[in-house]
């Protein structure tokens, strides 16, 4: 509907039946069901999904340690995938999803610099729309041929190279997602995935870094716009910080029926090895009224036994 003048649609592959259960293998081609980009599965992760919309049927508890009234929430195992995004599709999704969301701390111990791997994403099992292609290089990404090898005898016909296996093994502490938190308020669903990034020494103290990926989804047909964020950050050192601001990552995204989701990543540091975050997003309706959407509380936990800094893309 929105394609530029003179452009025509081209066949990229043939849809396959989605798997309601089980998992997709390395090399599986797919379309993202929400953001629409082409991608390929690198490897799966098993995460614990804490969905506050399906909380255990117990009585309401009082305010918890994070200062957030809650129900008991039991995690269930859920499959997510590390994937490559087709570079040709990145410009078309940049208004809805960051394509440089996977970040690492720089290798220098005294540096706070972050570096990103473009076109690397985490995708939930239900977001995968699998397809097949006869193209030996169906995805354009600088890491595609470093990580994957075409093998027509396999299904899917793309297998992991040794470099992919070695890279995953070396970096899994900073790539692996363990917990996913989800909550819906007024038909706006917030999903949070925290990642531990490592520890740095600064001015004779330790600073622990995390990144967190947030997805906002409008499950209703009414158009709404995110206007403000309000965070509470509790550190095990005993500090409680409040952060307020306009929008997120310099944006005030509109969530509509046509473009119902927005995804972004940000970072937080603590002077303790663990903590909690929670808060609200303030949204505006077309009539000018506002409402607050809860951000589910999530833990910031460090991998204390992991001493090696992230190695990034060094072969």
Foldseek 3Di string as FASTA:
>chain_A
DPDDPPDDDDDLFFFDDADPDDADAFQWWFAFQAQGFIKTFHHKAKAWEFEQVCADPDDWDPQDPLRDTGGHTGTDIFMKTKIFTAPVCCVVRVQFEAQFFQWAADQDQADRDIDTQGRIDIGTSVRTGTGAGPDQCSGDDPCQVVFWHAQPVDVVRIDGDPLSVVLCVQFVLQVHWHYKYWYDDPQKIKIKTKHWHDWHDDPNAIKTKMKMKIKIFRRDAFKKKWFKWWKWKFAPVGDIDIDIDTPPPPDTDIAHPVNGMHMHMDMDMDRHQKIKMWTWIWMAGPVGDIDITTGDMDMRHHPVVDDRHNPPPDD
